[in-house]
Amino acid sequence: MTPSKKKSSGDDEYFVYVALNEAGIAYTGIAKNVEARLAQHNAGTGARFTRGRGPWHLAHTQGPLPRSEALRREIAIKKDRRFKAAVKAGVKSNPTGQKNPPESL
């Protein structure tokens, strides 16, 4: 028998993030390195949805989470209009960006 390979703890550290642009459009995604992913969005090499709509700034993050939980949180945030409205309102009152969300989810 060959020993099973265990993943290192760093393999399960994903973050859910919400980025906003100046028009108030929200983009939700997951990443291991949120700052690097945000830089990709702003450089036009990130998700197709974000290309040409920047600059993007970070409005909210959650994590670290296992990948499966991060994907579940991403879907929940995308479906929750109240949560996204709260994040947008929090950014307007705190222009540096809100790192900690309302605890509604």
N, C-alpha and C. Protein backbone atom coordinates (compact mmCIF):
# COMPACT_ATOMS: atom_id res chain seq x y z
N MET A 1 0.83 -1.18 0.00
CA MET A 1 0.00 0.00 0.00
C MET A 1 0.87 1.25 0.00
N THR A 2 0.45 2.20 -0.80
CA THR A 2 1.16 3.47 -0.78
C THR A 2 0.47 4.41 0.18
N PRO A 3 1.25 5.18 0.88
CA PRO A 3 0.64 6.11 1.84
C PRO A 3 -0.15 7.19 1.09
N SER A 4 -1.28 7.57 1.67
CA SER A 4 -2.09 8.60 1.03
C SER A 4 -1.42 9.96 1.22
N LYS A 5 -1.56 10.76 0.20
CA LYS A 5 -0.97 12.09 0.27
C LYS A 5 -1.98 13.04 0.90
N LYS A 6 -1.54 13.76 1.89
CA LYS A 6 -2.40 14.75 2.51
C LYS A 6 -2.09 16.11 1.91
N LYS A 7 -3.13 16.87 1.73
CA LYS A 7 -2.94 18.24 1.25
C LYS A 7 -2.37 19.08 2.39
N SER A 8 -1.53 20.00 2.04
CA SER A 8 -1.04 20.91 3.06
C SER A 8 -2.16 21.86 3.43
N SER A 9 -2.08 22.46 4.59
CA SER A 9 -3.15 23.35 5.05
C SER A 9 -3.32 24.55 4.13
N GLY A 10 -2.31 24.93 3.40
CA GLY A 10 -2.40 26.06 2.49
C GLY A 10 -3.28 25.80 1.28
N ASP A 11 -3.54 24.52 0.96
CA ASP A 11 -4.37 24.18 -0.19
C ASP A 11 -5.83 24.52 0.04
N ASP A 12 -6.26 24.63 1.29
CA ASP A 12 -7.66 24.87 1.58
C ASP A 12 -7.95 26.31 2.00
N GLU A 13 -7.03 27.20 1.78
CA GLU A 13 -7.22 28.58 2.23
C GLU A 13 -7.67 29.46 1.07
N TYR A 14 -8.98 29.55 0.89
CA TYR A 14 -9.57 30.41 -0.12
C TYR A 14 -10.32 31.54 0.57
N PHE A 15 -10.45 32.64 -0.13
CA PHE A 15 -11.18 33.79 0.36
C PHE A 15 -12.29 34.12 -0.63
N VAL A 16 -13.42 34.51 -0.11
CA VAL A 16 -14.52 35.02 -0.93
C VAL A 16 -14.37 36.53 -0.90
N TYR A 17 -14.53 37.17 -2.06
CA TYR A 17 -14.39 38.62 -2.09
C TYR A 17 -15.47 39.25 -2.94
N VAL A 18 -15.79 40.50 -2.62
CA VAL A 18 -16.70 41.31 -3.42
C VAL A 18 -15.91 42.55 -3.83
N ALA A 19 -15.83 42.76 -5.13
CA ALA A 19 -15.15 43.95 -5.66
C ALA A 19 -16.21 44.86 -6.27
N LEU A 20 -16.01 46.14 -6.15
CA LEU A 20 -16.92 47.13 -6.72
C LEU A 20 -16.15 48.05 -7.66
N ASN A 21 -16.85 48.55 -8.67
CA ASN A 21 -16.24 49.57 -9.52
C ASN A 21 -16.92 50.91 -9.24
N GLU A 22 -16.51 51.95 -9.94
CA GLU A 22 -17.03 53.29 -9.67
C GLU A 22 -18.51 53.41 -10.02
N ALA A 23 -19.02 52.57 -10.90
CA ALA A 23 -20.43 52.61 -11.28
C ALA A 23 -21.30 51.86 -10.27
N GLY A 24 -20.68 51.24 -9.26
CA GLY A 24 -21.43 50.51 -8.25
C GLY A 24 -21.75 49.09 -8.64
N ILE A 25 -21.12 48.57 -9.67
CA ILE A 25 -21.31 47.18 -10.08
C ILE A 25 -20.46 46.29 -9.19
N ALA A 26 -21.08 45.22 -8.70
CA ALA A 26 -20.38 44.30 -7.80
C ALA A 26 -19.97 43.04 -8.56
N TYR A 27 -18.78 42.55 -8.24
CA TYR A 27 -18.30 41.26 -8.76
C TYR A 27 -17.90 40.42 -7.56
N THR A 28 -18.40 39.20 -7.48
CA THR A 28 -18.08 38.29 -6.38
C THR A 28 -17.29 37.12 -6.92
N GLY A 29 -16.23 36.74 -6.21
CA GLY A 29 -15.40 35.62 -6.64
C GLY A 29 -14.67 35.01 -5.45
N ILE A 30 -13.87 33.97 -5.74
CA ILE A 30 -13.01 33.37 -4.72
C ILE A 30 -11.58 33.37 -5.24
N ALA A 31 -10.64 33.42 -4.31
CA ALA A 31 -9.23 33.42 -4.67
C ALA A 31 -8.39 33.04 -3.45
N LYS A 32 -7.22 32.52 -3.72
CA LYS A 32 -6.27 32.26 -2.64
C LYS A 32 -5.58 33.55 -2.23
N ASN A 33 -5.28 34.40 -3.20
CA ASN A 33 -4.63 35.68 -2.94
C ASN A 33 -5.51 36.77 -3.52
N VAL A 34 -6.31 37.40 -2.68
CA VAL A 34 -7.30 38.37 -3.14
C VAL A 34 -6.65 39.59 -3.76
N GLU A 35 -5.57 40.07 -3.18
CA GLU A 35 -4.92 41.28 -3.73
C GLU A 35 -4.38 41.01 -5.13
N ALA A 36 -3.78 39.84 -5.34
CA ALA A 36 -3.27 39.49 -6.67
C ALA A 36 -4.42 39.34 -7.66
N ARG A 37 -5.52 38.75 -7.22
CA ARG A 37 -6.67 38.57 -8.11
C ARG A 37 -7.29 39.92 -8.47
N LEU A 38 -7.36 40.83 -7.52
CA LEU A 38 -7.87 42.17 -7.79
C LEU A 38 -6.98 42.89 -8.80
N ALA A 39 -5.69 42.70 -8.68
CA ALA A 39 -4.75 43.29 -9.64
C ALA A 39 -4.99 42.73 -11.04
N GLN A 40 -5.31 41.42 -11.13
CA GLN A 40 -5.63 40.82 -12.43
C GLN A 40 -6.89 41.46 -13.02
N HIS A 41 -7.90 41.65 -12.19
CA HIS A 41 -9.13 42.29 -12.68
C HIS A 41 -8.83 43.69 -13.21
N ASN A 42 -8.04 44.43 -12.48
CA ASN A 42 -7.73 45.81 -12.89
C ASN A 42 -6.82 45.87 -14.10
N ALA A 43 -6.04 44.82 -14.34
CA ALA A 43 -5.16 44.78 -15.50
C ALA A 43 -5.88 44.26 -16.74
N GLY A 44 -7.12 43.81 -16.57
CA GLY A 44 -7.87 43.29 -17.71
C GLY A 44 -7.59 41.83 -18.01
N THR A 45 -6.92 41.14 -17.10
CA THR A 45 -6.61 39.72 -17.31
C THR A 45 -7.39 38.82 -16.36
N GLY A 46 -8.34 39.39 -15.62
CA GLY A 46 -9.16 38.61 -14.70
C GLY A 46 -10.35 38.04 -15.43
N ALA A 47 -11.44 37.91 -14.74
CA ALA A 47 -12.68 37.37 -15.32
C ALA A 47 -13.17 38.25 -16.46
N ARG A 48 -13.78 37.64 -17.44
CA ARG A 48 -14.28 38.38 -18.60
C ARG A 48 -15.26 39.48 -18.18
N PHE A 49 -16.09 39.21 -17.18
CA PHE A 49 -17.07 40.18 -16.71
C PHE A 49 -16.43 41.48 -16.26
N THR A 50 -15.24 41.41 -15.67
CA THR A 50 -14.62 42.61 -15.11
C THR A 50 -13.82 43.41 -16.13
N ARG A 51 -13.55 42.84 -17.29
CA ARG A 51 -12.72 43.52 -18.29
C ARG A 51 -13.43 44.76 -18.83
N GLY A 52 -12.72 45.86 -18.83
CA GLY A 52 -13.27 47.10 -19.36
C GLY A 52 -14.24 47.81 -18.44
N ARG A 53 -14.44 47.28 -17.23
CA ARG A 53 -15.37 47.89 -16.29
C ARG A 53 -14.68 48.45 -15.06
N GLY A 54 -13.38 48.41 -15.01
CA GLY A 54 -12.63 48.83 -13.83
C GLY A 54 -12.49 50.33 -13.78
N PRO A 55 -11.77 50.84 -12.82
CA PRO A 55 -10.99 50.09 -11.83
C PRO A 55 -11.88 49.50 -10.74
N TRP A 56 -11.43 48.37 -10.23
CA TRP A 56 -12.14 47.65 -9.18
C TRP A 56 -11.46 47.89 -7.85
N HIS A 57 -12.23 47.97 -6.78
CA HIS A 57 -11.65 48.05 -5.44
C HIS A 57 -12.35 47.02 -4.55
N LEU A 58 -11.62 46.56 -3.58
CA LEU A 58 -12.10 45.52 -2.68
C LEU A 58 -13.11 46.11 -1.70
N ALA A 59 -14.30 45.52 -1.65
CA ALA A 59 -15.35 46.01 -0.75
C ALA A 59 -15.59 45.06 0.42
N HIS A 60 -15.27 43.78 0.25
CA HIS A 60 -15.59 42.80 1.29
C HIS A 60 -14.77 41.53 1.07
N THR A 61 -14.34 40.91 2.16
CA THR A 61 -13.68 39.60 2.09
C THR A 61 -14.17 38.72 3.22
N GLN A 62 -14.15 37.41 2.99
CA GLN A 62 -14.42 36.41 4.02
C GLN A 62 -13.42 35.29 3.86
N GLY A 63 -12.96 34.75 4.95
CA GLY A 63 -12.05 33.62 4.86
C GLY A 63 -10.94 33.73 5.87
N PRO A 64 -10.05 32.77 5.86
CA PRO A 64 -9.87 31.67 4.92
C PRO A 64 -10.89 30.56 5.14
N LEU A 65 -11.24 29.92 4.03
CA LEU A 65 -12.23 28.85 4.03
C LEU A 65 -11.74 27.71 3.14
N PRO A 66 -12.21 26.50 3.39
CA PRO A 66 -11.95 25.42 2.43
C PRO A 66 -12.60 25.78 1.10
N ARG A 67 -12.08 25.28 0.00
CA ARG A 67 -12.57 25.64 -1.33
C ARG A 67 -14.07 25.40 -1.47
N SER A 68 -14.56 24.26 -1.01
CA SER A 68 -15.98 23.95 -1.15
C SER A 68 -16.85 24.96 -0.40
N GLU A 69 -16.43 25.34 0.79
CA GLU A 69 -17.19 26.32 1.56
C GLU A 69 -17.10 27.70 0.91
N ALA A 70 -15.95 28.05 0.36
CA ALA A 70 -15.81 29.34 -0.32
C ALA A 70 -16.74 29.40 -1.54
N LEU A 71 -16.85 28.31 -2.28
CA LEU A 71 -17.77 28.28 -3.42
C LEU A 71 -19.22 28.42 -2.97
N ARG A 72 -19.58 27.78 -1.86
CA ARG A 72 -20.94 27.90 -1.34
C ARG A 72 -21.23 29.34 -0.92
N ARG A 73 -20.26 29.96 -0.26
CA ARG A 73 -20.43 31.36 0.19
C ARG A 73 -20.55 32.29 -1.02
N GLU A 74 -19.75 32.05 -2.04
CA GLU A 74 -19.81 32.87 -3.26
C GLU A 74 -21.22 32.82 -3.86
N ILE A 75 -21.78 31.64 -3.98
CA ILE A 75 -23.13 31.49 -4.54
C ILE A 75 -24.16 32.18 -3.65
N ALA A 76 -24.03 32.01 -2.33
CA ALA A 76 -24.98 32.64 -1.41
C ALA A 76 -24.93 34.16 -1.51
N ILE A 77 -23.73 34.72 -1.62
CA ILE A 77 -23.59 36.17 -1.73
C ILE A 77 -24.18 36.66 -3.05
N LYS A 78 -23.94 35.93 -4.13
CA LYS A 78 -24.48 36.33 -5.42
C LYS A 78 -26.01 36.36 -5.41
N LYS A 79 -26.64 35.49 -4.64
CA LYS A 79 -28.10 35.42 -4.58
C LYS A 79 -28.70 36.42 -3.60
N ASP A 80 -27.91 36.93 -2.66
CA ASP A 80 -28.43 37.77 -1.58
C ASP A 80 -28.33 39.26 -1.93
N ARG A 81 -29.43 39.80 -2.42
CA ARG A 81 -29.44 41.22 -2.82
C ARG A 81 -29.27 42.15 -1.63
N ARG A 82 -29.83 41.79 -0.49
CA ARG A 82 -29.70 42.63 0.70
C ARG A 82 -28.24 42.74 1.14
N PHE A 83 -27.57 41.62 1.10
CA PHE A 83 -26.17 41.61 1.51
C PHE A 83 -25.34 42.50 0.59
N LYS A 84 -25.53 42.35 -0.74
CA LYS A 84 -24.77 43.18 -1.68
C LYS A 84 -25.11 44.65 -1.50
N ALA A 85 -26.38 44.98 -1.23
CA ALA A 85 -26.77 46.37 -0.98
C ALA A 85 -26.08 46.90 0.27
N ALA A 86 -25.99 46.06 1.31
CA ALA A 86 -25.31 46.47 2.54
C ALA A 86 -23.83 46.70 2.30
N VAL A 87 -23.21 45.84 1.49
CA VAL A 87 -21.79 46.02 1.18
C VAL A 87 -21.60 47.32 0.41
N LYS A 88 -22.46 47.58 -0.58
CA LYS A 88 -22.36 48.83 -1.35
C LYS A 88 -22.57 50.04 -0.46
N ALA A 89 -23.55 49.99 0.44
CA ALA A 89 -23.81 51.09 1.36
C ALA A 89 -22.64 51.30 2.32
N GLY A 90 -22.04 50.18 2.76
CA GLY A 90 -20.89 50.28 3.66
C GLY A 90 -19.70 50.93 2.99
N VAL A 91 -19.52 50.69 1.71
CA VAL A 91 -18.40 51.30 0.97
C VAL A 91 -18.64 52.79 0.80
N LYS A 92 -19.90 53.19 0.57
CA LYS A 92 -20.19 54.61 0.42
C LYS A 92 -19.92 55.35 1.70
N SER A 93 -20.25 54.74 2.86
CA SER A 93 -20.01 55.40 4.14
C SER A 93 -18.57 55.22 4.61
N ASN A 94 -17.85 54.25 4.03
CA ASN A 94 -16.47 53.98 4.38
C ASN A 94 -15.69 53.82 3.08
N PRO A 95 -15.25 54.92 2.44
CA PRO A 95 -14.66 54.84 1.12
C PRO A 95 -13.39 53.99 1.02
N THR A 96 -12.79 53.62 2.13
CA THR A 96 -11.61 52.77 2.07
C THR A 96 -11.98 51.32 1.86
N GLY A 97 -13.27 51.00 1.94
CA GLY A 97 -13.72 49.62 1.73
C GLY A 97 -13.98 48.93 3.05
N GLN A 98 -15.03 48.16 3.10
CA GLN A 98 -15.41 47.45 4.30
C GLN A 98 -14.89 46.03 4.24
N LYS A 99 -14.01 45.68 5.13
CA LYS A 99 -13.42 44.34 5.13
C LYS A 99 -14.29 43.35 5.88
N ASN A 100 -15.05 43.81 6.85
CA ASN A 100 -15.87 42.90 7.63
C ASN A 100 -17.34 43.12 7.28
N PRO A 101 -18.03 42.05 6.88
CA PRO A 101 -19.40 42.19 6.40
C PRO A 101 -20.42 42.29 7.51
N PRO A 102 -21.63 42.66 7.15
CA PRO A 102 -22.73 42.46 8.10
C PRO A 102 -22.86 40.95 8.35
N GLU A 103 -23.22 40.55 9.50
CA GLU A 103 -23.25 39.12 9.86
C GLU A 103 -24.56 38.46 9.45
N SER A 104 -25.15 38.89 8.35
CA SER A 104 -26.44 38.33 7.94
C SER A 104 -26.32 36.96 7.34
N LEU A 105 -25.16 36.57 6.85
CA LEU A 105 -25.02 35.25 6.22
C LEU A 105 -24.12 34.37 7.02
